[in-house]
PDB file of N, CA and C in Angstrom:
ATOM      1  N   UNK A   1       5.602  -9.917 -59.792  1.00  0.00           N
ATOM      2  CA  UNK A   1       5.612 -10.692 -58.560  1.00  0.00           C
ATOM      3  C   UNK A   1       6.668 -11.789 -58.684  1.00  0.00           C
ATOM      4  N   UNK A   2       7.564 -11.820 -57.725  1.00  0.00           N
ATOM      5  CA  UNK A   2       8.652 -12.794 -57.739  1.00  0.00           C
ATOM      6  C   UNK A   2       8.259 -14.036 -56.960  1.00  0.00           C
ATOM      7  N   UNK A   3       8.761 -15.150 -57.418  1.00  0.00           N
ATOM      8  CA  UNK A   3       8.550 -16.420 -56.737  1.00  0.00           C
ATOM      9  C   UNK A   3       9.869 -16.824 -56.104  1.00  0.00           C
ATOM     10  N   UNK A   4       9.802 -17.214 -54.871  1.00  0.00           N
ATOM     11  CA  UNK A   4      10.995 -17.599 -54.145  1.00  0.00           C
ATOM     12  C   UNK A   4      10.855 -19.046 -53.688  1.00  0.00           C
ATOM     13  N   UNK A   5      11.832 -19.860 -53.991  1.00  0.00           N
ATOM     14  CA  UNK A   5      11.818 -21.258 -53.579  1.00  0.00           C
ATOM     15  C   UNK A   5      12.567 -21.373 -52.257  1.00  0.00           C
ATOM     16  N   UNK A   6      11.916 -22.001 -51.284  1.00  0.00           N
ATOM     17  CA  UNK A   6      12.563 -22.253 -50.002  1.00  0.00           C
ATOM     18  C   UNK A   6      12.406 -23.734 -49.679  1.00  0.00           C
ATOM     19  N   UNK A   7      13.332 -24.233 -48.893  1.00  0.00           N
ATOM     20  CA  UNK A   7      13.319 -25.635 -48.501  1.00  0.00           C
ATOM     21  C   UNK A   7      13.154 -25.710 -46.995  1.00  0.00           C
ATOM     22  N   UNK A   8      12.356 -26.658 -46.565  1.00  0.00           N
ATOM     23  CA  UNK A   8      12.087 -26.852 -45.151  1.00  0.00           C
ATOM     24  C   UNK A   8      12.790 -28.132 -44.706  1.00  0.00           C
ATOM     25  N   UNK A   9      13.408 -28.056 -43.572  1.00  0.00           N
ATOM     26  CA  UNK A   9      14.062 -29.218 -42.991  1.00  0.00           C
ATOM     27  C   UNK A   9      12.980 -30.200 -42.530  1.00  0.00           C
ATOM     28  N   UNK A  10      13.127 -31.467 -42.874  1.00  0.00           N
ATOM     29  CA  UNK A  10      12.125 -32.449 -42.462  1.00  0.00           C
ATOM     30  C   UNK A  10      12.239 -32.774 -40.970  1.00  0.00           C
ATOM     31  N   UNK A  11      13.413 -32.612 -40.391  1.00  0.00           N
ATOM     32  CA  UNK A  11      13.609 -32.893 -38.962  1.00  0.00           C
ATOM     33  C   UNK A  11      13.446 -31.647 -38.094  1.00  0.00           C
ATOM     34  N   UNK A  12      13.440 -30.492 -38.710  1.00  0.00           N
ATOM     35  CA  UNK A  12      13.320 -29.217 -37.994  1.00  0.00           C
ATOM     36  C   UNK A  12      12.433 -28.303 -38.843  1.00  0.00           C
ATOM     37  N   UNK A  13      11.116 -28.562 -38.872  1.00  0.00           N
ATOM     38  CA  UNK A  13      10.207 -27.868 -39.794  1.00  0.00           C
ATOM     39  C   UNK A  13      10.160 -26.345 -39.641  1.00  0.00           C
ATOM     40  N   UNK A  14      10.630 -25.829 -38.534  1.00  0.00           N
ATOM     41  CA  UNK A  14      10.617 -24.384 -38.334  1.00  0.00           C
ATOM     42  C   UNK A  14      11.733 -23.687 -39.103  1.00  0.00           C
ATOM     43  N   UNK A  15      12.771 -24.427 -39.474  1.00  0.00           N
ATOM     44  CA  UNK A  15      13.906 -23.847 -40.211  1.00  0.00           C
ATOM     45  C   UNK A  15      13.652 -23.913 -41.701  1.00  0.00           C
ATOM     46  N   UNK A  16      13.899 -22.810 -42.351  1.00  0.00           N
ATOM     47  CA  UNK A  16      13.776 -22.733 -43.807  1.00  0.00           C
ATOM     48  C   UNK A  16      15.147 -22.454 -44.401  1.00  0.00           C
ATOM     49  N   UNK A  17      15.387 -22.993 -45.583  1.00  0.00           N
ATOM     50  CA  UNK A  17      16.670 -22.838 -46.258  1.00  0.00           C
ATOM     51  C   UNK A  17      16.439 -22.388 -47.690  1.00  0.00           C
ATOM     52  N   UNK A  18      17.355 -21.632 -48.214  1.00  0.00           N
ATOM     53  CA  UNK A  18      17.273 -21.172 -49.593  1.00  0.00           C
ATOM     54  C   UNK A  18      17.897 -22.186 -50.551  1.00  0.00           C
ATOM     55  N   UNK A  19      18.624 -23.140 -49.999  1.00  0.00           N
ATOM     56  CA  UNK A  19      19.367 -24.101 -50.796  1.00  0.00           C
ATOM     57  C   UNK A  19      19.014 -25.519 -50.333  1.00  0.00           C
ATOM     58  N   UNK A  20      18.654 -26.393 -51.255  1.00  0.00           N
ATOM     59  CA  UNK A  20      18.282 -27.764 -50.914  1.00  0.00           C
ATOM     60  C   UNK A  20      19.442 -28.505 -50.259  1.00  0.00           C
ATOM     61  N   UNK A  21      20.645 -28.317 -50.774  1.00  0.00           N
ATOM     62  CA  UNK A  21      21.812 -29.004 -50.205  1.00  0.00           C
ATOM     63  C   UNK A  21      22.024 -28.603 -48.747  1.00  0.00           C
ATOM     64  N   UNK A  22      21.803 -27.338 -48.443  1.00  0.00           N
ATOM     65  CA  UNK A  22      21.965 -26.860 -47.068  1.00  0.00           C
ATOM     66  C   UNK A  22      20.911 -27.497 -46.155  1.00  0.00           C
ATOM     67  N   UNK A  23      19.680 -27.604 -46.638  1.00  0.00           N
ATOM     68  CA  UNK A  23      18.611 -28.255 -45.869  1.00  0.00           C
ATOM     69  C   UNK A  23      18.942 -29.727 -45.646  1.00  0.00           C
ATOM     70  N   UNK A  24      19.471 -30.388 -46.659  1.00  0.00           N
ATOM     71  CA  UNK A  24      19.862 -31.793 -46.524  1.00  0.00           C
ATOM     72  C   UNK A  24      20.987 -31.964 -45.505  1.00  0.00           C
ATOM     73  N   UNK A  25      21.985 -31.072 -45.549  1.00  0.00           N
ATOM     74  CA  UNK A  25      23.091 -31.136 -44.575  1.00  0.00           C
ATOM     75  C   UNK A  25      22.566 -30.955 -43.150  1.00  0.00           C
ATOM     76  N   UNK A  26      21.635 -30.034 -42.988  1.00  0.00           N
ATOM     77  CA  UNK A  26      21.053 -29.781 -41.667  1.00  0.00           C
ATOM     78  C   UNK A  26      20.308 -31.028 -41.175  1.00  0.00           C
ATOM     79  N   UNK A  27      19.525 -31.649 -42.051  1.00  0.00           N
ATOM     80  CA  UNK A  27      18.806 -32.865 -41.678  1.00  0.00           C
ATOM     81  C   UNK A  27      19.764 -33.987 -41.286  1.00  0.00           C
ATOM     82  N   UNK A  28      20.839 -34.149 -42.047  1.00  0.00           N
ATOM     83  CA  UNK A  28      21.816 -35.198 -41.743  1.00  0.00           C
ATOM     84  C   UNK A  28      22.513 -34.923 -40.422  1.00  0.00           C
ATOM     85  N   UNK A  29      22.808 -33.650 -40.140  1.00  0.00           N
ATOM     86  CA  UNK A  29      23.433 -33.286 -38.873  1.00  0.00           C
ATOM     87  C   UNK A  29      22.484 -33.623 -37.716  1.00  0.00           C
ATOM     88  N   UNK A  30      21.194 -33.316 -37.877  1.00  0.00           N
ATOM     89  CA  UNK A  30      20.235 -33.616 -36.820  1.00  0.00           C
ATOM     90  C   UNK A  30      20.033 -35.120 -36.646  1.00  0.00           C
ATOM     91  N   UNK A  31      20.110 -35.863 -37.738  1.00  0.00           N
ATOM     92  CA  UNK A  31      20.001 -37.320 -37.668  1.00  0.00           C
ATOM     93  C   UNK A  31      21.181 -37.900 -36.884  1.00  0.00           C
ATOM     94  N   UNK A  32      22.380 -37.403 -37.181  1.00  0.00           N
ATOM     95  CA  UNK A  32      23.569 -37.841 -36.444  1.00  0.00           C
ATOM     96  C   UNK A  32      23.448 -37.456 -34.975  1.00  0.00           C
ATOM     97  N   UNK A  33      22.987 -36.248 -34.694  1.00  0.00           N
ATOM     98  CA  UNK A  33      22.832 -35.786 -33.311  1.00  0.00           C
ATOM     99  C   UNK A  33      21.877 -36.693 -32.549  1.00  0.00           C
ATOM    100  N   UNK A  34      20.808 -37.108 -33.191  1.00  0.00           N
ATOM    101  CA  UNK A  34      19.842 -37.997 -32.552  1.00  0.00           C
ATOM    102  C   UNK A  34      20.470 -39.363 -32.243  1.00  0.00           C
ATOM    103  N   UNK A  35      21.245 -39.881 -33.185  1.00  0.00           N
ATOM    104  CA  UNK A  35      21.921 -41.162 -32.966  1.00  0.00           C
ATOM    105  C   UNK A  35      22.936 -41.061 -31.835  1.00  0.00           C
ATOM    106  N   UNK A  36      23.685 -39.961 -31.817  1.00  0.00           N
ATOM    107  CA  UNK A  36      24.660 -39.757 -30.746  1.00  0.00           C
ATOM    108  C   UNK A  36      23.963 -39.663 -29.392  1.00  0.00           C
ATOM    109  N   UNK A  37      22.853 -38.949 -29.337  1.00  0.00           N
ATOM    110  CA  UNK A  37      22.105 -38.806 -28.086  1.00  0.00           C
ATOM    111  C   UNK A  37      21.605 -40.162 -27.601  1.00  0.00           C
ATOM    112  N   UNK A  38      21.162 -41.013 -28.526  1.00  0.00           N
ATOM    113  CA  UNK A  38      20.698 -42.351 -28.142  1.00  0.00           C
ATOM    114  C   UNK A  38      21.831 -43.173 -27.533  1.00  0.00           C
ATOM    115  N   UNK A  39      22.996 -43.129 -28.159  1.00  0.00           N
ATOM    116  CA  UNK A  39      24.150 -43.878 -27.650  1.00  0.00           C
ATOM    117  C   UNK A  39      24.576 -43.332 -26.285  1.00  0.00           C
ATOM    118  N   UNK A  40      24.626 -42.011 -26.170  1.00  0.00           N
ATOM    119  CA  UNK A  40      25.035 -41.403 -24.903  1.00  0.00           C
ATOM    120  C   UNK A  40      24.048 -41.717 -23.780  1.00  0.00           C
ATOM    121  N   UNK A  41      22.771 -41.775 -24.110  1.00  0.00           N
ATOM    122  CA  UNK A  41      21.749 -42.072 -23.112  1.00  0.00           C
ATOM    123  C   UNK A  41      21.943 -43.487 -22.570  1.00  0.00           C
ATOM    124  N   UNK A  42      22.311 -44.407 -23.446  1.00  0.00           N
ATOM    125  CA  UNK A  42      22.561 -45.787 -23.000  1.00  0.00           C
ATOM    126  C   UNK A  42      23.845 -45.874 -22.173  1.00  0.00           C
ATOM    127  N   UNK A  43      24.840 -45.059 -22.538  1.00  0.00           N
ATOM    128  CA  UNK A  43      26.116 -45.088 -21.825  1.00  0.00           C
ATOM    129  C   UNK A  43      26.045 -44.366 -20.485  1.00  0.00           C
ATOM    130  N   UNK A  44      25.270 -43.274 -20.457  1.00  0.00           N
ATOM    131  CA  UNK A  44      25.164 -42.459 -19.236  1.00  0.00           C
ATOM    132  C   UNK A  44      23.682 -42.175 -18.976  1.00  0.00           C
ATOM    133  N   UNK A  45      22.961 -43.136 -18.395  1.00  0.00           N
ATOM    134  CA  UNK A  45      21.518 -42.990 -18.210  1.00  0.00           C
ATOM    135  C   UNK A  45      21.099 -41.811 -17.329  1.00  0.00           C
ATOM    136  N   UNK A  46      22.013 -41.280 -16.542  1.00  0.00           N
ATOM    137  CA  UNK A  46      21.666 -40.176 -15.639  1.00  0.00           C
ATOM    138  C   UNK A  46      21.547 -38.825 -16.364  1.00  0.00           C
ATOM    139  N   UNK A  47      22.004 -38.753 -17.613  1.00  0.00           N
ATOM    140  CA  UNK A  47      21.890 -37.497 -18.358  1.00  0.00           C
ATOM    141  C   UNK A  47      20.430 -37.205 -18.668  1.00  0.00           C
ATOM    142  N   UNK A  48      20.063 -35.938 -18.574  1.00  0.00           N
ATOM    143  CA  UNK A  48      18.695 -35.523 -18.875  1.00  0.00           C
ATOM    144  C   UNK A  48      18.518 -35.383 -20.383  1.00  0.00           C
ATOM    145  N   UNK A  49      17.266 -35.440 -20.819  1.00  0.00           N
ATOM    146  CA  UNK A  49      16.958 -35.411 -22.245  1.00  0.00           C
ATOM    147  C   UNK A  49      17.495 -34.154 -22.928  1.00  0.00           C
ATOM    148  N   UNK A  50      17.347 -32.994 -22.292  1.00  0.00           N
ATOM    149  CA  UNK A  50      17.839 -31.756 -22.913  1.00  0.00           C
ATOM    150  C   UNK A  50      19.365 -31.742 -22.987  1.00  0.00           C
ATOM    151  N   UNK A  51      20.018 -32.329 -21.986  1.00  0.00           N
ATOM    152  CA  UNK A  51      21.479 -32.433 -22.022  1.00  0.00           C
ATOM    153  C   UNK A  51      21.926 -33.349 -23.158  1.00  0.00           C
ATOM    154  N   UNK A  52      21.247 -34.476 -23.314  1.00  0.00           N
ATOM    155  CA  UNK A  52      21.572 -35.408 -24.385  1.00  0.00           C
ATOM    156  C   UNK A  52      21.421 -34.745 -25.745  1.00  0.00           C
ATOM    157  N   UNK A  53      20.351 -33.979 -25.910  1.00  0.00           N
ATOM    158  CA  UNK A  53      20.113 -33.288 -27.181  1.00  0.00           C
ATOM    159  C   UNK A  53      21.210 -32.264 -27.465  1.00  0.00           C
ATOM    160  N   UNK A  54      21.568 -31.472 -26.456  1.00  0.00           N
ATOM    161  CA  UNK A  54      22.618 -30.468 -26.632  1.00  0.00           C
ATOM    162  C   UNK A  54      23.964 -31.099 -26.959  1.00  0.00           C
ATOM    163  N   UNK A  55      24.301 -32.161 -26.242  1.00  0.00           N
ATOM    164  CA  UNK A  55      25.583 -32.837 -26.484  1.00  0.00           C
ATOM    165  C   UNK A  55      25.595 -33.460 -27.873  1.00  0.00           C
ATOM    166  N   UNK A  56      24.497 -34.106 -28.243  1.00  0.00           N
ATOM    167  CA  UNK A  56      24.405 -34.718 -29.564  1.00  0.00           C
ATOM    168  C   UNK A  56      24.567 -33.705 -30.684  1.00  0.00           C
ATOM    169  N   UNK A  57      23.899 -32.569 -30.561  1.00  0.00           N
ATOM    170  CA  UNK A  57      24.000 -31.518 -31.580  1.00  0.00           C
ATOM    171  C   UNK A  57      25.414 -30.941 -31.610  1.00  0.00           C
ATOM    172  N   UNK A  58      26.001 -30.717 -30.439  1.00  0.00           N
ATOM    173  CA  UNK A  58      27.370 -30.194 -30.380  1.00  0.00           C
ATOM    174  C   UNK A  58      28.337 -31.132 -31.088  1.00  0.00           C
ATOM    175  N   UNK A  59      28.230 -32.424 -30.789  1.00  0.00           N
ATOM    176  CA  UNK A  59      29.135 -33.394 -31.409  1.00  0.00           C
ATOM    177  C   UNK A  59      28.890 -33.504 -32.913  1.00  0.00           C
ATOM    178  N   UNK A  60      27.629 -33.465 -33.316  1.00  0.00           N
ATOM    179  CA  UNK A  60      27.311 -33.570 -34.744  1.00  0.00           C
ATOM    180  C   UNK A  60      27.818 -32.352 -35.512  1.00  0.00           C
ATOM    181  N   UNK A  61      27.680 -31.159 -34.923  1.00  0.00           N
ATOM    182  CA  UNK A  61      28.165 -29.944 -35.587  1.00  0.00           C
ATOM    183  C   UNK A  61      29.688 -29.951 -35.710  1.00  0.00           C
ATOM    184  N   UNK A  62      30.347 -30.630 -34.796  1.00  0.00           N
ATOM    185  CA  UNK A  62      31.812 -30.676 -34.782  1.00  0.00           C
ATOM    186  C   UNK A  62      32.327 -32.063 -35.154  1.00  0.00           C
ATOM    187  N   UNK A  63      31.586 -32.748 -35.977  1.00  0.00           N
ATOM    188  CA  UNK A  63      31.902 -34.137 -36.319  1.00  0.00           C
ATOM    189  C   UNK A  63      33.285 -34.306 -36.928  1.00  0.00           C
ATOM    190  N   UNK A  64      33.728 -33.343 -37.738  1.00  0.00           N
ATOM    191  CA  UNK A  64      35.037 -33.462 -38.376  1.00  0.00           C
ATOM    192  C   UNK A  64      36.166 -33.464 -37.339  1.00  0.00           C
ATOM    193  N   UNK A  65      36.066 -32.570 -36.366  1.00  0.00           N
ATOM    194  CA  UNK A  65      37.095 -32.513 -35.323  1.00  0.00           C
ATOM    195  C   UNK A  65      37.078 -33.787 -34.480  1.00  0.00           C
ATOM    196  N   UNK A  66      35.885 -34.278 -34.143  1.00  0.00           N
ATOM    197  CA  UNK A  66      35.799 -35.519 -33.371  1.00  0.00           C
ATOM    198  C   UNK A  66      36.335 -36.701 -34.183  1.00  0.00           C
ATOM    199  N   UNK A  67      36.034 -36.748 -35.471  1.00  0.00           N
ATOM    200  CA  UNK A  67      36.521 -37.844 -36.324  1.00  0.00           C
ATOM    201  C   UNK A  67      38.047 -37.862 -36.352  1.00  0.00           C
ATOM    202  N   UNK A  68      38.654 -36.683 -36.506  1.00  0.00           N
ATOM    203  CA  UNK A  68      40.122 -36.623 -36.513  1.00  0.00           C
ATOM    204  C   UNK A  68      40.690 -37.014 -35.151  1.00  0.00           C
ATOM    205  N   UNK A  69      40.020 -36.593 -34.083  1.00  0.00           N
ATOM    206  CA  UNK A  69      40.493 -36.936 -32.734  1.00  0.00           C
ATOM    207  C   UNK A  69      40.451 -38.446 -32.509  1.00  0.00           C
ATOM    208  N   UNK A  70      39.419 -39.092 -33.017  1.00  0.00           N
ATOM    209  CA  UNK A  70      39.308 -40.542 -32.868  1.00  0.00           C
ATOM    210  C   UNK A  70      40.307 -41.282 -33.749  1.00  0.00           C
ATOM    211  N   UNK A  71      40.894 -40.587 -34.704  1.00  0.00           N
ATOM    212  CA  UNK A  71      41.898 -41.188 -35.584  1.00  0.00           C
ATOM    213  C   UNK A  71      43.305 -40.743 -35.175  1.00  0.00           C
ATOM    214  N   UNK A  72      43.550 -40.683 -33.881  1.00  0.00           N
ATOM    215  CA  UNK A  72      44.871 -40.361 -33.324  1.00  0.00           C
ATOM    216  C   UNK A  72      45.324 -38.925 -33.553  1.00  0.00           C
ATOM    217  N   UNK A  73      44.404 -37.990 -33.621  1.00  0.00           N
ATOM    218  CA  UNK A  73      44.749 -36.572 -33.695  1.00  0.00           C
ATOM    219  C   UNK A  73      43.976 -35.814 -32.608  1.00  0.00           C
ATOM    220  N   UNK A  74      44.231 -36.118 -31.342  1.00  0.00           N
ATOM    221  CA  UNK A  74      43.455 -35.500 -30.265  1.00  0.00           C
ATOM    222  C   UNK A  74      43.512 -33.971 -30.254  1.00  0.00           C
ATOM    223  N   UNK A  75      44.577 -33.403 -30.820  1.00  0.00           N
ATOM    224  CA  UNK A  75      44.679 -31.944 -30.855  1.00  0.00           C
ATOM    225  C   UNK A  75      43.587 -31.314 -31.729  1.00  0.00           C
ATOM    226  N   UNK A  76      42.944 -32.108 -32.570  1.00  0.00           N
ATOM    227  CA  UNK A  76      41.873 -31.590 -33.419  1.00  0.00           C
ATOM    228  C   UNK A  76      40.723 -31.026 -32.584  1.00  0.00           C
ATOM    229  N   UNK A  77      40.541 -31.543 -31.376  1.00  0.00           N
ATOM    230  CA  UNK A  77      39.470 -31.045 -30.514  1.00  0.00           C
ATOM    231  C   UNK A  77      39.721 -29.602 -30.067  1.00  0.00           C
ATOM    232  N   UNK A  78      40.993 -29.192 -30.023  1.00  0.00           N
ATOM    233  CA  UNK A  78      41.307 -27.814 -29.649  1.00  0.00           C
ATOM    234  C   UNK A  78      40.745 -26.817 -30.657  1.00  0.00           C
ATOM    235  N   UNK A  79      40.577 -27.256 -31.897  1.00  0.00           N
ATOM    236  CA  UNK A  79      40.059 -26.375 -32.945  1.00  0.00           C
ATOM    237  C   UNK A  79      38.617 -25.955 -32.684  1.00  0.00           C
ATOM    238  N   UNK A  80      37.855 -26.795 -32.003  1.00  0.00           N
ATOM    239  CA  UNK A  80      36.436 -26.518 -31.781  1.00  0.00           C
ATOM    240  C   UNK A  80      36.263 -25.177 -31.081  1.00  0.00           C
ATOM    241  N   UNK A  81      36.973 -24.981 -29.993  1.00  0.00           N
ATOM    242  CA  UNK A  81      36.806 -23.750 -29.234  1.00  0.00           C
ATOM    243  C   UNK A  81      37.639 -22.602 -29.762  1.00  0.00           C
ATOM    244  N   UNK A  82      38.743 -22.905 -30.434  1.00  0.00           N
ATOM    245  CA  UNK A  82      39.532 -21.815 -31.023  1.00  0.00           C
ATOM    246  C   UNK A  82      38.779 -21.199 -32.199  1.00  0.00           C
ATOM    247  N   UNK A  83      38.047 -22.015 -32.972  1.00  0.00           N
ATOM    248  CA  UNK A  83      37.233 -21.497 -34.072  1.00  0.00           C
ATOM    249  C   UNK A  83      36.051 -20.707 -33.543  1.00  0.00           C
ATOM    250  N   UNK A  84      35.437 -21.189 -32.450  1.00  0.00           N
ATOM    251  CA  UNK A  84      34.297 -20.488 -31.850  1.00  0.00           C
ATOM    252  C   UNK A  84      34.736 -19.132 -31.302  1.00  0.00           C
ATOM    253  N   UNK A  85      35.916 -19.082 -30.702  1.00  0.00           N
ATOM    254  CA  UNK A  85      36.427 -17.819 -30.169  1.00  0.00           C
ATOM    255  C   UNK A  85      36.749 -16.842 -31.303  1.00  0.00           C
ATOM    256  N   UNK A  86      37.237 -17.359 -32.410  1.00  0.00           N
ATOM    257  CA  UNK A  86      37.555 -16.510 -33.559  1.00  0.00           C
ATOM    258  C   UNK A  86      36.300 -15.923 -34.185  1.00  0.00           C
ATOM    259  N   UNK A  87      35.183 -16.668 -34.124  1.00  0.00           N
ATOM    260  CA  UNK A  87      33.921 -16.188 -34.692  1.00  0.00           C
ATOM    261  C   UNK A  87      33.302 -15.093 -33.842  1.00  0.00           C
ATOM    262  N   UNK A  88      33.590 -15.087 -32.542  1.00  0.00           N
ATOM    263  CA  UNK A  88      33.014 -14.079 -31.638  1.00  0.00           C
ATOM    264  C   UNK A  88      33.801 -12.837 -31.744  1.00  0.00           C
TER     265      UNK A  88
END
Protein backbone atom coordinates (compact mmCIF):
# COMPACT_ATOMS: atom_id res chain seq x y z
CA UNK A 1 0.00 0.00 0.00
CA UNK A 2 1.46 3.31 -1.10
CA UNK A 3 1.18 6.53 0.82
CA UNK A 4 0.75 9.71 -1.12
CA UNK A 5 1.36 13.15 0.35
CA UNK A 6 -0.89 15.92 -0.91
CA UNK A 7 -1.10 19.56 0.08
CA UNK A 8 -4.29 21.55 0.39
CA UNK A 9 -4.47 25.24 -0.33
CA UNK A 10 -5.51 27.14 2.79
CA UNK A 11 -7.35 29.77 0.70
CA UNK A 12 -8.87 27.27 -1.74
CA UNK A 13 -9.48 24.05 0.26
CA UNK A 14 -10.96 22.23 -2.74
CA UNK A 15 -7.62 22.34 -4.61
CA UNK A 16 -5.02 19.73 -3.83
CA UNK A 17 -1.36 19.90 -4.81
CA UNK A 18 1.38 17.31 -4.97
CA UNK A 19 4.03 19.90 -4.14
CA UNK A 20 4.07 22.20 -1.09
CA UNK A 21 5.77 25.00 -3.02
CA UNK A 22 3.03 24.90 -5.65
CA UNK A 23 0.33 25.09 -2.95
CA UNK A 24 2.15 28.05 -1.37
CA UNK A 25 2.39 29.85 -4.74
CA UNK A 26 -1.33 29.30 -5.29
CA UNK A 27 -2.15 30.70 -1.84
CA UNK A 28 0.04 33.76 -2.44
CA UNK A 29 -1.60 34.34 -5.83
CA UNK A 30 -5.05 34.19 -4.22
CA UNK A 31 -3.93 36.54 -1.45
CA UNK A 32 -2.73 39.05 -4.04
CA UNK A 33 -5.97 38.63 -6.01
CA UNK A 34 -7.98 39.40 -2.88
CA UNK A 35 -5.93 42.54 -2.19
CA UNK A 36 -6.31 43.68 -5.79
CA UNK A 37 -10.07 43.10 -5.65
CA UNK A 38 -10.29 45.20 -2.47
CA UNK A 39 -8.41 48.09 -4.09
CA UNK A 40 -10.47 47.86 -7.28
CA UNK A 41 -13.71 47.81 -5.29
CA UNK A 42 -12.73 51.07 -3.60
CA UNK A 43 -11.69 52.62 -6.92
CA UNK A 44 -14.72 51.40 -8.89
CA UNK A 45 -17.59 50.73 -6.45
CA UNK A 46 -20.00 49.83 -9.27
CA UNK A 47 -18.13 46.59 -10.04
CA UNK A 48 -19.91 43.45 -8.87
CA UNK A 49 -18.27 41.03 -6.45
CA UNK A 50 -17.80 38.28 -9.06
CA UNK A 51 -16.27 40.78 -11.48
CA UNK A 52 -13.86 42.00 -8.80
CA UNK A 53 -12.83 38.42 -8.03
CA UNK A 54 -12.25 37.59 -11.71
CA UNK A 55 -10.25 40.75 -12.34
CA UNK A 56 -8.20 40.25 -9.18
CA UNK A 57 -7.34 36.66 -10.11
CA UNK A 58 -6.53 37.65 -13.70
CA UNK A 59 -4.17 40.39 -12.54
CA UNK A 60 -2.56 38.17 -9.90
CA UNK A 61 -1.96 35.35 -12.41
CA UNK A 62 -0.35 37.86 -14.77
CA UNK A 63 1.47 39.84 -12.10
CA UNK A 64 4.84 39.69 -13.88
CA UNK A 65 3.47 41.29 -17.05
CA UNK A 66 1.64 43.96 -15.05
CA UNK A 67 4.78 44.67 -12.98
CA UNK A 68 6.84 45.19 -16.14
CA UNK A 69 4.11 47.37 -17.65
CA UNK A 70 4.09 49.58 -14.55
CA UNK A 71 7.87 49.91 -14.89
CA UNK A 72 7.69 51.61 -18.31
CA UNK A 73 7.31 48.47 -20.42
CA UNK A 74 3.66 48.70 -21.51
CA UNK A 75 4.28 46.21 -24.32
CA UNK A 76 4.61 43.52 -21.63
CA UNK A 77 0.81 43.44 -21.43
CA UNK A 78 0.69 42.15 -25.02
CA UNK A 79 2.35 38.95 -23.79
CA UNK A 80 -0.68 38.05 -21.66
CA UNK A 81 -2.93 37.28 -24.60
CA UNK A 82 -0.21 36.12 -26.98
CA UNK A 83 0.81 33.45 -24.43
CA UNK A 84 -2.84 32.46 -23.89
CA UNK A 85 -3.35 32.11 -27.65
CA UNK A 86 -0.20 29.99 -27.93
CA UNK A 87 -1.48 27.64 -25.20
CA UNK A 88 -4.78 27.07 -27.05
